Amino acid sequence: DAGEVASAAAIDALRPLGALGTVGPEDVRERLGVAQDDVRAISTEPGR
């Protein structure tokens, strides 16, 4: 309920890059920023 959710959240955040014919670093940075926020929002057990 943490690791599998985190990896799925990251992949979901990166998925819109597939709609671009070519991708640059700033595109990736933007989507990784979304991934960071989404993973940080995951509820986990205290200390994990």
All heavy atoms as atom14 arrays in JSON, in Angstrom:
{
  "sequence": "DAGEVASAAAIDALRPLGALGTVGPEDVRERLGVAQDDVRAISTEPGR",
  "atom14_mask": [
    [1, 1, 1, 1, 1, 1, 1, 1, 0, 0, 0, 0, 0, 0],
    [1, 1, 1, 1, 1, 0, 0, 0, 0, 0, 0, 0, 0, 0],
    [1, 1, 1, 1, 0, 0, 0, 0, 0, 0, 0, 0, 0, 0],
    [1, 1, 1, 1, 1, 1, 1, 1, 1, 0, 0, 0, 0, 0],
    [1, 1, 1, 1, 1, 1, 1, 0, 0, 0, 0, 0, 0, 0],
    [1, 1, 1, 1, 1, 0, 0, 0, 0, 0, 0, 0, 0, 0],
    [1, 1, 1, 1, 1, 1, 0, 0, 0, 0, 0, 0, 0, 0],
    [1, 1, 1, 1, 1, 0, 0, 0, 0, 0, 0, 0, 0, 0],
    [1, 1, 1, 1, 1, 0, 0, 0, 0, 0, 0, 0, 0, 0],
    [1, 1, 1, 1, 1, 0, 0, 0, 0, 0, 0, 0, 0, 0],
    [1, 1, 1, 1, 1, 1, 1, 1, 0, 0, 0, 0, 0, 0],
    [1, 1, 1, 1, 1, 1, 1, 1, 0, 0, 0, 0, 0, 0],
    [1, 1, 1, 1, 1, 0, 0, 0, 0, 0, 0, 0, 0, 0],
    [1, 1, 1, 1, 1, 1, 1, 1, 0, 0, 0, 0, 0, 0],
    [1, 1, 1, 1, 1, 1, 1, 1, 1, 1, 1, 0, 0, 0],
    [1, 1, 1, 1, 1, 1, 1, 0, 0, 0, 0, 0, 0, 0],
    [1, 1, 1, 1, 1, 1, 1, 1, 0, 0, 0, 0, 0, 0],
    [1, 1, 1, 1, 0, 0, 0, 0, 0, 0, 0, 0, 0, 0],
    [1, 1, 1, 1, 1, 0, 0, 0, 0, 0, 0, 0, 0, 0],
    [1, 1, 1, 1, 1, 1, 1, 1, 0, 0, 0, 0, 0, 0],
    [1, 1, 1, 1, 0, 0, 0, 0, 0, 0, 0, 0, 0, 0],
    [1, 1, 1, 1, 1, 1, 1, 0, 0, 0, 0, 0, 0, 0],
    [1, 1, 1, 1, 1, 1, 1, 0, 0, 0, 0, 0, 0, 0],
    [1, 1, 1, 1, 0, 0, 0, 0, 0, 0, 0, 0, 0, 0],
    [1, 1, 1, 1, 1, 1, 1, 0, 0, 0, 0, 0, 0, 0],
    [1, 1, 1, 1, 1, 1, 1, 1, 1, 0, 0, 0, 0, 0],
    [1, 1, 1, 1, 1, 1, 1, 1, 0, 0, 0, 0, 0, 0],
    [1, 1, 1, 1, 1, 1, 1, 0, 0, 0, 0, 0, 0, 0],
    [1, 1, 1, 1, 1, 1, 1, 1, 1, 1, 1, 0, 0, 0],
    [1, 1, 1, 1, 1, 1, 1, 1, 1, 0, 0, 0, 0, 0],
    [1, 1, 1, 1, 1, 1, 1, 1, 1, 1, 1, 0, 0, 0],
    [1, 1, 1, 1, 1, 1, 1, 1, 0, 0, 0, 0, 0, 0],
    [1, 1, 1, 1, 0, 0, 0, 0, 0, 0, 0, 0, 0, 0],
    [1, 1, 1, 1, 1, 1, 1, 0, 0, 0, 0, 0, 0, 0],
    [1, 1, 1, 1, 1, 0, 0, 0, 0, 0, 0, 0, 0, 0],
    [1, 1, 1, 1, 1, 1, 1, 1, 1, 0, 0, 0, 0, 0],
    [1, 1, 1, 1, 1, 1, 1, 1, 0, 0, 0, 0, 0, 0],
    [1, 1, 1, 1, 1, 1, 1, 1, 0, 0, 0, 0, 0, 0],
    [1, 1, 1, 1, 1, 1, 1, 0, 0, 0, 0, 0, 0, 0],
    [1, 1, 1, 1, 1, 1, 1, 1, 1, 1, 1, 0, 0, 0],
    [1, 1, 1, 1, 1, 0, 0, 0, 0, 0, 0, 0, 0, 0],
    [1, 1, 1, 1, 1, 1, 1, 1, 0, 0, 0, 0, 0, 0],
    [1, 1, 1, 1, 1, 1, 0, 0, 0, 0, 0, 0, 0, 0],
    [1, 1, 1, 1, 1, 1, 1, 0, 0, 0, 0, 0, 0, 0],
    [1, 1, 1, 1, 1, 1, 1, 1, 1, 0, 0, 0, 0, 0],
    [1, 1, 1, 1, 1, 1, 1, 0, 0, 0, 0, 0, 0, 0],
    [1, 1, 1, 1, 0, 0, 0, 0, 0, 0, 0, 0, 0, 0],
    [1, 1, 1, 1, 1, 1, 1, 1, 1, 1, 1, 0, 0, 0]
  ],
  "atom14_positions": [
    [[0.81, -1.21, 0.0], [0.0, 0.0, 0.0], [0.85, 1.27, 0.0], [0.33, 2.35, 0.27], [-0.96, 0.04, 1.2], [-2.07, -0.98, 1.09], [-2.37, -1.39, -0.05], [-2.61, -1.39, 2.13], [0.0, 0.0, 0.0], [0.0, 0.0, 0.0], [0.0, 0.0, 0.0], [0.0, 0.0, 0.0], [0.0, 0.0, 0.0], [0.0, 0.0, 0.0]],
    [[2.13, 1.15, -0.26], [2.99, 2.33, -0.38], [3.85, 2.2, -1.62], [3.78, 3.03, -2.52], [3.84, 2.53, 0.87], [0.0, 0.0, 0.0], [0.0, 0.0, 0.0], [0.0, 0.0, 0.0], [0.0, 0.0, 0.0], [0.0, 0.0, 0.0], [0.0, 0.0, 0.0], [0.0, 0.0, 0.0], [0.0, 0.0, 0.0], [0.0, 0.0, 0.0]],
    [[4.67, 1.16, -1.68], [5.57, 1.01, -2.82], [4.84, 0.85, -4.13], [5.17, 1.53, -5.12], [0.0, 0.0, 0.0], [0.0, 0.0, 0.0], [0.0, 0.0, 0.0], [0.0, 0.0, 0.0], [0.0, 0.0, 0.0], [0.0, 0.0, 0.0], [0.0, 0.0, 0.0], [0.0, 0.0, 0.0], [0.0, 0.0, 0.0], [0.0, 0.0, 0.0]],
    [[3.83, -0.02, -4.15], [3.12, -0.23, -5.41], [2.31, 1.0, -5.81], [2.17, 1.3, -7.0], [2.21, -1.45, -5.3], [1.13, -1.34, -4.23], [0.25, -2.58, -4.21], [0.34, -3.39, -5.12], [-0.54, -2.7, -3.25], [0.0, 0.0, 0.0], [0.0, 0.0, 0.0], [0.0, 0.0, 0.0], [0.0, 0.0, 0.0], [0.0, 0.0, 0.0]],
    [[1.82, 1.74, -4.83], [1.08, 2.96, -5.12], [2.03, 4.05, -5.62], [1.71, 4.81, -6.54], [0.3, 3.43, -3.88], [-0.46, 4.73, -4.18], [-0.69, 2.35, -3.43], [0.0, 0.0, 0.0], [0.0, 0.0, 0.0], [0.0, 0.0, 0.0], [0.0, 0.0, 0.0], [0.0, 0.0, 0.0], [0.0, 0.0, 0.0], [0.0, 0.0, 0.0]],
    [[3.21, 4.12, -5.01], [4.19, 5.13, -5.41], [4.66, 4.93, -6.84], [4.72, 5.88, -7.63], [5.38, 5.1, -4.45], [0.0, 0.0, 0.0], [0.0, 0.0, 0.0], [0.0, 0.0, 0.0], [0.0, 0.0, 0.0], [0.0, 0.0, 0.0], [0.0, 0.0, 0.0], [0.0, 0.0, 0.0], [0.0, 0.0, 0.0], [0.0, 0.0, 0.0]],
    [[4.99, 3.69, -7.2], [5.46, 3.44, -8.56], [4.36, 3.7, -9.58], [4.6, 4.26, -10.65], [6.0, 2.01, -8.7], [5.0, 1.05, -8.39], [0.0, 0.0, 0.0], [0.0, 0.0, 0.0], [0.0, 0.0, 0.0], [0.0, 0.0, 0.0], [0.0, 0.0, 0.0], [0.0, 0.0, 0.0], [0.0, 0.0, 0.0], [0.0, 0.0, 0.0]],
    [[3.11, 3.32, -9.23], [1.99, 3.58, -10.13], [1.75, 5.08, -10.29], [1.46, 5.56, -11.39], [0.73, 2.89, -9.61], [0.0, 0.0, 0.0], [0.0, 0.0, 0.0], [0.0, 0.0, 0.0], [0.0, 0.0, 0.0], [0.0, 0.0, 0.0], [0.0, 0.0, 0.0], [0.0, 0.0, 0.0], [0.0, 0.0, 0.0], [0.0, 0.0, 0.0]],
    [[1.89, 5.83, -9.19], [1.68, 7.28, -9.26], [2.73, 7.94, -10.14], [2.42, 8.85, -10.92], [1.72, 7.87, -7.85], [0.0, 0.0, 0.0], [0.0, 0.0, 0.0], [0.0, 0.0, 0.0], [0.0, 0.0, 0.0], [0.0, 0.0, 0.0], [0.0, 0.0, 0.0], [0.0, 0.0, 0.0], [0.0, 0.0, 0.0], [0.0, 0.0, 0.0]],
    [[3.98, 7.47, -10.04], [5.04, 8.05, -10.85], [4.8, 7.77, -12.33], [4.96, 8.66, -13.18], [6.4, 7.5, -10.41], [0.0, 0.0, 0.0], [0.0, 0.0, 0.0], [0.0, 0.0, 0.0], [0.0, 0.0, 0.0], [0.0, 0.0, 0.0], [0.0, 0.0, 0.0], [0.0, 0.0, 0.0], [0.0, 0.0, 0.0], [0.0, 0.0, 0.0]],
    [[4.44, 6.55, -12.65], [4.18, 6.2, -14.05], [2.99, 6.97, -14.58], [3.0, 7.46, -15.72], [3.98, 4.68, -14.19], [5.3, 3.94, -13.95], [3.4, 4.33, -15.55], [6.41, 4.28, -14.93], [0.0, 0.0, 0.0], [0.0, 0.0, 0.0], [0.0, 0.0, 0.0], [0.0, 0.0, 0.0], [0.0, 0.0, 0.0], [0.0, 0.0, 0.0]],
    [[1.94, 7.11, -13.78], [0.78, 7.88, -14.22], [1.15, 9.34, -14.48], [0.64, 9.96, -15.42], [-0.33, 7.8, -13.17], [-1.04, 6.45, -13.16], [-0.89, 5.7, -14.14], [-1.73, 6.16, -12.17], [0.0, 0.0, 0.0], [0.0, 0.0, 0.0], [0.0, 0.0, 0.0], [0.0, 0.0, 0.0], [0.0, 0.0, 0.0], [0.0, 0.0, 0.0]],
    [[2.04, 9.89, -13.66], [2.46, 11.28, -13.85], [3.27, 11.45, -15.13], [3.2, 12.49, -15.79], [3.28, 11.74, -12.65], [0.0, 0.0, 0.0], [0.0, 0.0, 0.0], [0.0, 0.0, 0.0], [0.0, 0.0, 0.0], [0.0, 0.0, 0.0], [0.0, 0.0, 0.0], [0.0, 0.0, 0.0], [0.0, 0.0, 0.0], [0.0, 0.0, 0.0]],
    [[4.05, 10.43, -15.5], [4.88, 10.49, -16.69], [4.1, 10.17, -17.97], [4.54, 10.51, -19.07], [6.05, 9.51, -16.57], [7.1, 9.86, -15.5], [7.99, 8.66, -15.24], [7.92, 11.06, -15.93], [0.0, 0.0, 0.0], [0.0, 0.0, 0.0], [0.0, 0.0, 0.0], [0.0, 0.0, 0.0], [0.0, 0.0, 0.0], [0.0, 0.0, 0.0]],
    [[2.95, 9.54, -17.83], [2.21, 9.06, -18.98], [1.88, 10.14, -20.02], [1.94, 9.87, -21.23], [0.91, 8.37, -18.51], [0.29, 7.44, -19.53], [-0.92, 6.74, -18.94], [-0.61, 6.01, -17.72], [-0.03, 4.82, -17.69], [0.3, 4.22, -18.81], [0.2, 4.22, -16.54], [0.0, 0.0, 0.0], [0.0, 0.0, 0.0], [0.0, 0.0, 0.0]],
    [[1.55, 11.38, -19.64], [1.25, 12.39, -20.66], [2.41, 12.68, -21.61], [2.18, 13.23, -22.7], [0.9, 13.63, -19.81], [0.37, 13.08, -18.53], [1.21, 11.86, -18.27], [0.0, 0.0, 0.0], [0.0, 0.0, 0.0], [0.0, 0.0, 0.0], [0.0, 0.0, 0.0], [0.0, 0.0, 0.0], [0.0, 0.0, 0.0], [0.0, 0.0, 0.0]],
    [[3.64, 12.33, -21.23], [4.76, 12.54, -22.14], [4.59, 11.75, -23.44], [5.12, 12.13, -24.48], [6.07, 12.12, -21.46], [6.52, 12.93, -20.25], [7.74, 12.3, -19.61], [6.8, 14.38, -20.62], [0.0, 0.0, 0.0], [0.0, 0.0, 0.0], [0.0, 0.0, 0.0], [0.0, 0.0, 0.0], [0.0, 0.0, 0.0], [0.0, 0.0, 0.0]],
    [[3.86, 10.64, -23.38], [3.65, 9.82, -24.56], [2.84, 10.5, -25.64], [2.86, 10.08, -26.79], [0.0, 0.0, 0.0], [0.0, 0.0, 0.0], [0.0, 0.0, 0.0], [0.0, 0.0, 0.0], [0.0, 0.0, 0.0], [0.0, 0.0, 0.0], [0.0, 0.0, 0.0], [0.0, 0.0, 0.0], [0.0, 0.0, 0.0], [0.0, 0.0, 0.0]],
    [[2.12, 11.57, -25.27], [1.34, 12.3, -26.27], [2.19, 13.26, -27.08], [1.73, 13.81, -28.08], [0.22, 13.07, -25.57], [0.0, 0.0, 0.0], [0.0, 0.0, 0.0], [0.0, 0.0, 0.0], [0.0, 0.0, 0.0], [0.0, 0.0, 0.0], [0.0, 0.0, 0.0], [0.0, 0.0, 0.0], [0.0, 0.0, 0.0], [0.0, 0.0, 0.0]],
    [[3.45, 13.45, -26.67], [4.36, 14.33, -27.39], [5.18, 13.52, -28.38], [5.64, 12.42, -28.07], [5.3, 15.05, -26.41], [4.64, 15.87, -25.31], [5.72, 16.47, -24.4], [3.78, 16.97, -25.89], [0.0, 0.0, 0.0], [0.0, 0.0, 0.0], [0.0, 0.0, 0.0], [0.0, 0.0, 0.0], [0.0, 0.0, 0.0], [0.0, 0.0, 0.0]],
    [[5.38, 14.07, -29.56], [6.2, 13.37, -30.54], [7.63, 13.27, -30.09], [8.28, 12.23, -30.24], [0.0, 0.0, 0.0], [0.0, 0.0, 0.0], [0.0, 0.0, 0.0], [0.0, 0.0, 0.0], [0.0, 0.0, 0.0], [0.0, 0.0, 0.0], [0.0, 0.0, 0.0], [0.0, 0.0, 0.0], [0.0, 0.0, 0.0], [0.0, 0.0, 0.0]],
    [[8.18, 14.34, -29.55], [9.5, 14.33, -28.94], [9.4, 15.03, -27.6], [8.51, 15.85, -27.36], [10.55, 15.06, -29.82], [10.12, 16.39, -30.06], [10.74, 14.32, -31.13], [0.0, 0.0, 0.0], [0.0, 0.0, 0.0], [0.0, 0.0, 0.0], [0.0, 0.0, 0.0], [0.0, 0.0, 0.0], [0.0, 0.0, 0.0], [0.0, 0.0, 0.0]],
    [[10.33, 14.7, -26.71], [10.26, 15.16, -25.33], [11.6, 15.79, -24.95], [12.66, 15.25, -25.29], [9.94, 13.99, -24.38], [9.81, 14.48, -22.94], [8.67, 13.28, -24.82], [0.0, 0.0, 0.0], [0.0, 0.0, 0.0], [0.0, 0.0, 0.0], [0.0, 0.0, 0.0], [0.0, 0.0, 0.0], [0.0, 0.0, 0.0], [0.0, 0.0, 0.0]],
    [[11.56, 16.91, -24.24], [12.77, 17.55, -23.76], [12.91, 17.44, -22.26], [11.97, 17.04, -21.56], [0.0, 0.0, 0.0], [0.0, 0.0, 0.0], [0.0, 0.0, 0.0], [0.0, 0.0, 0.0], [0.0, 0.0, 0.0], [0.0, 0.0, 0.0], [0.0, 0.0, 0.0], [0.0, 0.0, 0.0], [0.0, 0.0, 0.0], [0.0, 0.0, 0.0]],
    [[14.07, 17.8, -21.72], [14.29, 17.71, -20.26], [13.26, 18.47, -19.44], [12.85, 18.0, -18.38], [15.7, 18.29, -20.09], [16.37, 18.05, -21.4], [15.29, 18.21, -22.43], [0.0, 0.0, 0.0], [0.0, 0.0, 0.0], [0.0, 0.0, 0.0], [0.0, 0.0, 0.0], [0.0, 0.0, 0.0], [0.0, 0.0, 0.0], [0.0, 0.0, 0.0]],
    [[12.85, 19.65, -19.92], [11.89, 20.42, -19.13], [10.53, 19.73, -19.07], [9.82, 19.83, -18.06], [11.76, 21.84, -19.69], [13.02, 22.68, -19.49], [13.52, 22.61, -18.05], [12.7, 22.84, -17.13], [14.72, 22.34, -17.84], [0.0, 0.0, 0.0], [0.0, 0.0, 0.0], [0.0, 0.0, 0.0], [0.0, 0.0, 0.0], [0.0, 0.0, 0.0]],
    [[10.16, 19.05, -20.16], [8.92, 18.26, -20.13], [9.01, 17.19, -19.05], [8.06, 16.96, -18.29], [8.69, 17.59, -21.48], [8.54, 18.58, -22.62], [7.8, 19.56, -22.45], [9.18, 18.38, -23.66], [0.0, 0.0, 0.0], [0.0, 0.0, 0.0], [0.0, 0.0, 0.0], [0.0, 0.0, 0.0], [0.0, 0.0, 0.0], [0.0, 0.0, 0.0]],
    [[10.16, 16.51, -18.99], [10.34, 15.44, -18.01], [10.36, 16.02, -16.59], [9.74, 15.47, -15.67], [11.62, 14.65, -18.3], [11.83, 13.57, -17.24], [11.57, 14.02, -19.69], [0.0, 0.0, 0.0], [0.0, 0.0, 0.0], [0.0, 0.0, 0.0], [0.0, 0.0, 0.0], [0.0, 0.0, 0.0], [0.0, 0.0, 0.0], [0.0, 0.0, 0.0]],
    [[11.09, 17.12, -16.41], [11.13, 17.74, -15.08], [9.73, 18.1, -14.58], [9.4, 17.91, -13.4], [12.0, 19.0, -15.11], [13.49, 18.75, -15.23], [14.24, 20.07, -15.17], [15.64, 19.9, -15.46], [16.55, 19.53, -14.58], [16.18, 19.29, -13.32], [17.82, 19.4, -14.92], [0.0, 0.0, 0.0], [0.0, 0.0, 0.0], [0.0, 0.0, 0.0]],
    [[8.94, 18.64, -15.47], [7.58, 19.04, -15.08], [6.77, 17.84, -14.61], [6.12, 17.89, -13.56], [6.88, 19.7, -16.26], [5.43, 20.1, -15.96], [4.73, 20.69, -17.16], [5.39, 20.9, -18.21], [3.51, 20.93, -17.07], [0.0, 0.0, 0.0], [0.0, 0.0, 0.0], [0.0, 0.0, 0.0], [0.0, 0.0, 0.0], [0.0, 0.0, 0.0]],
    [[6.85, 16.74, -15.34], [6.08, 15.56, -14.96], [6.65, 14.88, -13.72], [5.9, 14.32, -12.92], [6.01, 14.58, -16.13], [5.36, 15.1, -17.4], [4.07, 15.85, -17.15], [3.09, 15.05, -16.41], [1.93, 15.52, -15.94], [1.62, 16.79, -16.11], [1.11, 14.73, -15.3], [0.0, 0.0, 0.0], [0.0, 0.0, 0.0], [0.0, 0.0, 0.0]],
    [[7.97, 14.93, -13.55], [8.56, 14.39, -12.32], [8.15, 15.23, -11.11], [8.01, 14.7, -9.99], [10.08, 14.34, -12.43], [10.64, 13.24, -13.33], [12.16, 13.39, -13.47], [10.31, 11.84, -12.78], [0.0, 0.0, 0.0], [0.0, 0.0, 0.0], [0.0, 0.0, 0.0], [0.0, 0.0, 0.0], [0.0, 0.0, 0.0], [0.0, 0.0, 0.0]],
    [[7.95, 16.53, -11.31], [7.44, 17.37, -10.23], [6.04, 16.95, -9.81], [5.72, 16.91, -8.61], [0.0, 0.0, 0.0], [0.0, 0.0, 0.0], [0.0, 0.0, 0.0], [0.0, 0.0, 0.0], [0.0, 0.0, 0.0], [0.0, 0.0, 0.0], [0.0, 0.0, 0.0], [0.0, 0.0, 0.0], [0.0, 0.0, 0.0], [0.0, 0.0, 0.0]],
    [[5.21, 16.61, -10.8], [3.88, 16.08, -10.49], [3.99, 14.76, -9.75], [3.29, 14.51, -8.76], [3.07, 15.91, -11.79], [1.73, 15.22, -11.51], [2.84, 17.25, -12.47], [0.0, 0.0, 0.0], [0.0, 0.0, 0.0], [0.0, 0.0, 0.0], [0.0, 0.0, 0.0], [0.0, 0.0, 0.0], [0.0, 0.0, 0.0], [0.0, 0.0, 0.0]],
    [[4.9, 13.9, -10.21], [5.1, 12.61, -9.55], [5.54, 12.8, -8.1], [5.06, 12.1, -7.2], [6.14, 11.79, -10.31], [0.0, 0.0, 0.0], [0.0, 0.0, 0.0], [0.0, 0.0, 0.0], [0.0, 0.0, 0.0], [0.0, 0.0, 0.0], [0.0, 0.0, 0.0], [0.0, 0.0, 0.0], [0.0, 0.0, 0.0], [0.0, 0.0, 0.0]],
    [[6.46, 13.74, -7.87], [6.93, 14.01, -6.51], [5.77, 14.4, -5.6], [5.62, 13.88, -4.48], [7.99, 15.11, -6.54], [8.42, 15.64, -5.18], [9.32, 14.68, -4.41], [9.69, 13.62, -4.92], [9.67, 15.04, -3.2], [0.0, 0.0, 0.0], [0.0, 0.0, 0.0], [0.0, 0.0, 0.0], [0.0, 0.0, 0.0], [0.0, 0.0, 0.0]],
    [[4.94, 15.31, -6.06], [3.79, 15.74, -5.25], [2.83, 14.6, -5.01], [2.32, 14.43, -3.89], [3.07, 16.89, -5.95], [3.9, 18.17, -6.01], [4.86, 18.28, -5.23], [3.57, 19.04, -6.84], [0.0, 0.0, 0.0], [0.0, 0.0, 0.0], [0.0, 0.0, 0.0], [0.0, 0.0, 0.0], [0.0, 0.0, 0.0], [0.0, 0.0, 0.0]],
    [[2.57, 13.8, -6.03], [1.6, 12.71, -5.89], [2.11, 11.63, -4.93], [1.34, 11.08, -4.12], [1.3, 12.09, -7.25], [0.5, 13.03, -8.15], [-0.01, 14.05, -7.64], [0.38, 12.73, -9.35], [0.0, 0.0, 0.0], [0.0, 0.0, 0.0], [0.0, 0.0, 0.0], [0.0, 0.0, 0.0], [0.0, 0.0, 0.0], [0.0, 0.0, 0.0]],
    [[3.39, 11.33, -5.0], [3.94, 10.3, -4.1], [4.0, 10.82, -2.67], [3.7, 10.08, -1.72], [5.32, 9.85, -4.59], [5.97, 8.89, -3.58], [5.22, 9.16, -5.95], [0.0, 0.0, 0.0], [0.0, 0.0, 0.0], [0.0, 0.0, 0.0], [0.0, 0.0, 0.0], [0.0, 0.0, 0.0], [0.0, 0.0, 0.0], [0.0, 0.0, 0.0]],
    [[4.36, 12.07, -2.5], [4.4, 12.64, -1.15], [3.03, 12.66, -0.5], [2.9, 12.65, 0.73], [4.95, 14.08, -1.21], [6.41, 14.18, -1.58], [7.34, 13.76, -0.45], [7.27, 14.68, 0.67], [7.83, 14.45, 1.85], [8.47, 13.31, 2.06], [7.74, 15.31, 2.83], [0.0, 0.0, 0.0], [0.0, 0.0, 0.0], [0.0, 0.0, 0.0]],
    [[1.98, 12.68, -1.31], [0.61, 12.72, -0.78], [0.09, 11.36, -0.37], [-1.0, 11.27, 0.23], [-0.32, 13.34, -1.82], [0.0, 0.0, 0.0], [0.0, 0.0, 0.0], [0.0, 0.0, 0.0], [0.0, 0.0, 0.0], [0.0, 0.0, 0.0], [0.0, 0.0, 0.0], [0.0, 0.0, 0.0], [0.0, 0.0, 0.0], [0.0, 0.0, 0.0]],
    [[0.83, 10.3, -0.65], [0.37, 8.95, -0.3], [0.4, 8.76, 1.21], [1.4, 9.05, 1.88], [1.26, 7.88, -0.99], [1.11, 7.98, -2.51], [0.9, 6.48, -0.51], [2.11, 7.13, -3.27], [0.0, 0.0, 0.0], [0.0, 0.0, 0.0], [0.0, 0.0, 0.0], [0.0, 0.0, 0.0], [0.0, 0.0, 0.0], [0.0, 0.0, 0.0]],
    [[-0.69, 8.26, 1.74], [-0.78, 7.99, 3.18], [-0.06, 6.68, 3.5], [-0.3, 5.66, 2.86], [-2.24, 7.9, 3.6], [-2.35, 7.58, 4.97], [0.0, 0.0, 0.0], [0.0, 0.0, 0.0], [0.0, 0.0, 0.0], [0.0, 0.0, 0.0], [0.0, 0.0, 0.0], [0.0, 0.0, 0.0], [0.0, 0.0, 0.0], [0.0, 0.0, 0.0]],
    [[0.85, 6.72, 4.48], [1.62, 5.54, 4.86], [1.6, 5.36, 6.36], [1.17, 6.23, 7.11], [3.08, 5.66, 4.39], [3.68, 6.8, 5.04], [3.16, 5.84, 2.88], [0.0, 0.0, 0.0], [0.0, 0.0, 0.0], [0.0, 0.0, 0.0], [0.0, 0.0, 0.0], [0.0, 0.0, 0.0], [0.0, 0.0, 0.0], [0.0, 0.0, 0.0]],
    [[2.1, 4.22, 6.8], [2.24, 3.96, 8.23], [3.26, 4.94, 8.82], [4.19, 5.36, 8.13], [2.71, 2.53, 8.47], [1.75, 1.47, 7.99], [2.31, 0.08, 8.19], [3.39, -0.04, 8.77], [1.65, -0.89, 7.75], [0.0, 0.0, 0.0], [0.0, 0.0, 0.0], [0.0, 0.0, 0.0], [0.0, 0.0, 0.0], [0.0, 0.0, 0.0]],
    [[3.1, 5.31, 10.09], [4.06, 6.23, 10.72], [5.49, 5.71, 10.59], [5.77, 4.54, 10.85], [3.61, 6.25, 12.19], [2.15, 5.91, 12.14], [2.01, 4.93, 11.01], [0.0, 0.0, 0.0], [0.0, 0.0, 0.0], [0.0, 0.0, 0.0], [0.0, 0.0, 0.0], [0.0, 0.0, 0.0], [0.0, 0.0, 0.0], [0.0, 0.0, 0.0]],
    [[6.36, 6.6, 10.15], [7.77, 6.23, 10.02], [8.12, 5.54, 8.73], [9.29, 5.22, 8.5], [0.0, 0.0, 0.0], [0.0, 0.0, 0.0], [0.0, 0.0, 0.0], [0.0, 0.0, 0.0], [0.0, 0.0, 0.0], [0.0, 0.0, 0.0], [0.0, 0.0, 0.0], [0.0, 0.0, 0.0], [0.0, 0.0, 0.0], [0.0, 0.0, 0.0]],
    [[7.12, 5.3, 7.87], [7.4, 4.63, 6.59], [6.85, 5.48, 5.45], [5.65, 5.51, 5.2], [6.76, 3.24, 6.54], [7.32, 2.27, 7.56], [6.92, 0.85, 7.22], [7.59, 0.39, 6.01], [7.44, -0.83, 5.5], [6.63, -1.7, 6.09], [8.09, -1.18, 4.41], [0.0, 0.0, 0.0], [0.0, 0.0, 0.0], [0.0, 0.0, 0.0]]
  ]
}
